Each structure stands twice: as structure tokens, then as C-alpha cells.
Amino acid sequence: GTEGQHAMLYGLEERSLDEYFAFAASNGFNAMRLLFNQENVERDPPTPMNDPRDGKITFDWRKSPELRGTTYIKMLQVVSSKAAEHGILILLACHRLRMQYPGQSLHAEWPGDWDGLWFDNYWTENRIIGN
């Protein structure tokens, strides 16, 4: 979802943010983890309307018009605000440094020699703290 190349919550091509958060709240959920990656936080690209991997729609702007024309950071803010309207707390969680890593495997989004640290030679501790 939001932490990878899709760069958007999955399912928003079918239902609106309101529908998902209303469902979650009506079923007793009061918190949600919203994943992000450092690369997109730093670059803050426009929110894609189509998945770059397969061209499929990432969200239906008619169902969630508040997402149309947003950047990555603004999209995270919109999702967080919409959750708050339904009494749901959002925990922003850095899930990975980059939106993808080289490789063709199913989990190519994770670095091959990943050691569990949330920094590396490119994404230094100071750079991440600065974001």
C-alpha cells in the first residue's frame, strides 16, 4: 500500500475512505497503523491515480475526492484526518527506507542484505531525522 510503489491504501478503487473508516469504527477499531517510506516523504511526489507497475487505478477520485491532486505527505494527512473524523487514531510507521529495491523477487522491496536498521549508507540517521 502506502509504503511501496502503489503509494496508496489498497481498496480505494472500490470504496471510499469514509466507508472503510466507518466500517472499522463500527466494528470496534480505534487505531490503525499507516505505513510510509522515507524516499516518498523526502520527494513528496504527486499521489498516483494509477499503479506504476500495472497501470491499474489506485483510487477512485469520485469516491474519495479529497485525495485528488494530493502529494504523498498530503495524502497521509488526508487519510489521518479522515480516520480522526471516525474516532480512529493513526500511528504513522516508517515501514521501509525506499519504495522499492532492485530485484525481481516477490519481496524485492526489501534490501537483500538488510540488517534491521532504519538507516543505511544513503539514508543516514541524520538524513532520516531531518525528514
Foldseek 3Di string as FASTA:
>chain_A
DCAAQLNADAPQQPAALLVVLLVCLVVPAAEDEDEYAQVQVVVQAQNDQARPVPRHGSHDCVRVVCNPRGTSVVNVVVSQVSNVVSNHHYDYDHPAHHNAADDDDPVRRDDPPDDPDRADPVRHPVNSVVD
